[in-house]
Every structure is written in C-alpha cells, then in structure tokens.
Amino acid sequence: MKSHVWFKYGQGGETVEIIVRDVSGAKLESWRVETHDVGRLKQIYNSIKNKYNLNLFLTDKGKKDKDLGWLDLD
C-alpha cells in the first residue's frame, strides 16, 4: 500500500483523504492533502485518472452556456 501525505509543517485546516481499495477491500493507495492546496489536488486527480482510468471531474453535459443559449447549436 502506498500512502501520500502532503501537509506543510505547522499549518492546519480542513483536509481531504482519498483511499483507493481493491475488490476485497484492501487499501491500494491513499492520499491526504489540505483542501486549499489546489495544485496537489489536481496532481492526485490526474494520478487517479492515469493509474485507475477513473475520471473524478464530473460535468453536466446537458447544461448550456447562458450567453450562447440563443444560438441553439443542437
């Protein structure tokens, strides 16, 4: 199991912990990072996407841009 903990010394705040487990429930990899560290969060998301082929960036495909709604491109 790999464990990644990215905290700056002496700083506190809210944290996010992401754990990847296999089918049996064994922990494969985990990350702990502060919520305000956006760069590290992007690294974690890219790592999960590349290693496990899982996209955590969910988008609403049905949502249209308000400014371009008059074009009706569909």
C-alpha atoms as a PDB file:
ATOM      1  CA  MET A   1       0.000   0.000   0.000  1.00  0.00           C
ATOM      2  CA  LYS A   2       1.213   3.454  -0.872  1.00  0.00           C
ATOM      3  CA  SER A   3       0.373   6.393   1.334  1.00  0.00           C
ATOM      4  CA  HIS A   4       0.895  10.022   0.355  1.00  0.00           C
ATOM      5  CA  VAL A   5       0.585  12.754   2.975  1.00  0.00           C
ATOM      6  CA  TRP A   6       1.133  16.317   1.780  1.00  0.00           C
ATOM      7  CA  PHE A   7       0.904  18.816   4.625  1.00  0.00           C
ATOM      8  CA  LYS A   8       3.025  21.869   5.176  1.00  0.00           C
ATOM      9  CA  TYR A   9       4.666  21.814   8.596  1.00  0.00           C
ATOM     10  CA  GLY A  10       2.826  23.856  11.212  1.00  0.00           C
ATOM     11  CA  GLN A  11      -0.265  24.568   9.116  1.00  0.00           C
ATOM     12  CA  GLY A  12      -3.702  23.327   9.970  1.00  0.00           C
ATOM     13  CA  GLY A  13      -7.039  23.351   8.291  1.00  0.00           C
ATOM     14  CA  GLU A  14      -9.536  21.101   6.613  1.00  0.00           C
ATOM     15  CA  THR A  15      -8.153  18.033   4.931  1.00  0.00           C
ATOM     16  CA  VAL A  16      -9.271  15.599   2.247  1.00  0.00           C
ATOM     17  CA  GLU A  17      -8.401  11.913   2.372  1.00  0.00           C
ATOM     18  CA  ILE A  18      -8.853   9.773  -0.737  1.00  0.00           C
ATOM     19  CA  ILE A  19      -8.495   5.995  -0.433  1.00  0.00           C
ATOM     20  CA  VAL A  20      -8.427   3.560  -3.365  1.00  0.00           C
ATOM     21  CA  ARG A  21      -9.361  -0.033  -2.481  1.00  0.00           C
ATOM     22  CA  ASP A  22      -9.499  -3.242  -4.494  1.00  0.00           C
ATOM     23  CA  VAL A  23     -12.463  -5.631  -4.710  1.00  0.00           C
ATOM     24  CA  SER A  24     -11.542  -7.396  -1.470  1.00  0.00           C
ATOM     25  CA  GLY A  25     -11.403  -4.099   0.424  1.00  0.00           C
ATOM     26  CA  ALA A  26      -7.625  -3.961   0.759  1.00  0.00           C
ATOM     27  CA  LYS A  27      -6.204  -0.458   0.575  1.00  0.00           C
ATOM     28  CA  LEU A  28      -4.159   0.089  -2.592  1.00  0.00           C
ATOM     29  CA  GLU A  29      -3.267   3.736  -2.251  1.00  0.00           C
ATOM     30  CA  SER A  30      -4.253   6.749  -0.176  1.00  0.00           C
ATOM     31  CA  TRP A  31      -3.715  10.499  -0.227  1.00  0.00           C
ATOM     32  CA  ARG A  32      -4.156  13.155   2.463  1.00  0.00           C
ATOM     33  CA  VAL A  33      -3.967  16.799   1.486  1.00  0.00           C
ATOM     34  CA  GLU A  34      -5.245  20.157   2.720  1.00  0.00           C
ATOM     35  CA  THR A  35      -8.305  21.496   0.919  1.00  0.00           C
ATOM     36  CA  HIS A  36      -6.729  24.819  -0.011  1.00  0.00           C
ATOM     37  CA  ASP A  37      -3.788  23.108  -1.803  1.00  0.00           C
ATOM     38  CA  VAL A  38      -5.382  23.084  -5.264  1.00  0.00           C
ATOM     39  CA  GLY A  39      -2.179  22.136  -7.083  1.00  0.00           C
ATOM     40  CA  ARG A  40      -1.750  18.950  -5.054  1.00  0.00           C
ATOM     41  CA  LEU A  41      -5.440  18.066  -5.501  1.00  0.00           C
ATOM     42  CA  LYS A  42      -5.017  18.329  -9.274  1.00  0.00           C
ATOM     43  CA  GLN A  43      -1.971  16.044  -9.073  1.00  0.00           C
ATOM     44  CA  ILE A  44      -3.980  13.481  -7.132  1.00  0.00           C
ATOM     45  CA  TYR A  45      -6.896  13.590  -9.585  1.00  0.00           C
ATOM     46  CA  ASN A  46      -4.539  13.198 -12.548  1.00  0.00           C
ATOM     47  CA  SER A  47      -2.774  10.293 -10.839  1.00  0.00           C
ATOM     48  CA  ILE A  48      -6.068   8.501 -10.179  1.00  0.00           C
ATOM     49  CA  LYS A  49      -7.217   9.132 -13.732  1.00  0.00           C
ATOM     50  CA  ASN A  50      -3.997   7.741 -15.225  1.00  0.00           C
ATOM     51  CA  LYS A  51      -3.499   4.747 -12.890  1.00  0.00           C
ATOM     52  CA  TYR A  52      -7.085   3.586 -12.408  1.00  0.00           C
ATOM     53  CA  ASN A  53      -8.815   5.050 -15.505  1.00  0.00           C
ATOM     54  CA  LEU A  54     -11.324   6.867 -13.305  1.00  0.00           C
ATOM     55  CA  ASN A  55     -12.417  10.421 -14.092  1.00  0.00           C
ATOM     56  CA  LEU A  56     -13.355  12.333 -10.921  1.00  0.00           C
ATOM     57  CA  PHE A  57     -14.245  15.522 -12.802  1.00  0.00           C
ATOM     58  CA  LEU A  58     -17.951  15.066 -13.366  1.00  0.00           C
ATOM     59  CA  THR A  59     -19.595  17.563 -15.649  1.00  0.00           C
ATOM     60  CA  ASP A  60     -23.186  18.214 -16.576  1.00  0.00           C
ATOM     61  CA  LYS A  61     -23.330  17.660 -20.345  1.00  0.00           C
ATOM     62  CA  GLY A  62     -26.900  18.953 -20.549  1.00  0.00           C
ATOM     63  CA  LYS A  63     -26.025  22.350 -19.100  1.00  0.00           C
ATOM     64  CA  LYS A  64     -25.792  25.121 -21.702  1.00  0.00           C
ATOM     65  CA  ASP A  65     -23.981  28.409 -21.531  1.00  0.00           C
ATOM     66  CA  LYS A  66     -26.469  31.200 -20.817  1.00  0.00           C
ATOM     67  CA  ASP A  67     -24.746  33.661 -23.132  1.00  0.00           C
ATOM     68  CA  LEU A  68     -24.781  31.265 -26.096  1.00  0.00           C
ATOM     69  CA  GLY A  69     -28.257  29.852 -25.500  1.00  0.00           C
ATOM     70  CA  TRP A  70     -29.749  31.887 -28.300  1.00  0.00           C
ATOM     71  CA  LEU A  71     -27.572  30.084 -30.884  1.00  0.00           C
ATOM     72  CA  ASP A  72     -29.366  26.736 -30.367  1.00  0.00           C
ATOM     73  CA  LEU A  73     -26.471  24.661 -31.752  1.00  0.00           C
ATOM     74  CA  ASP A  74     -28.123  21.285 -31.069  1.00  0.00           C
END
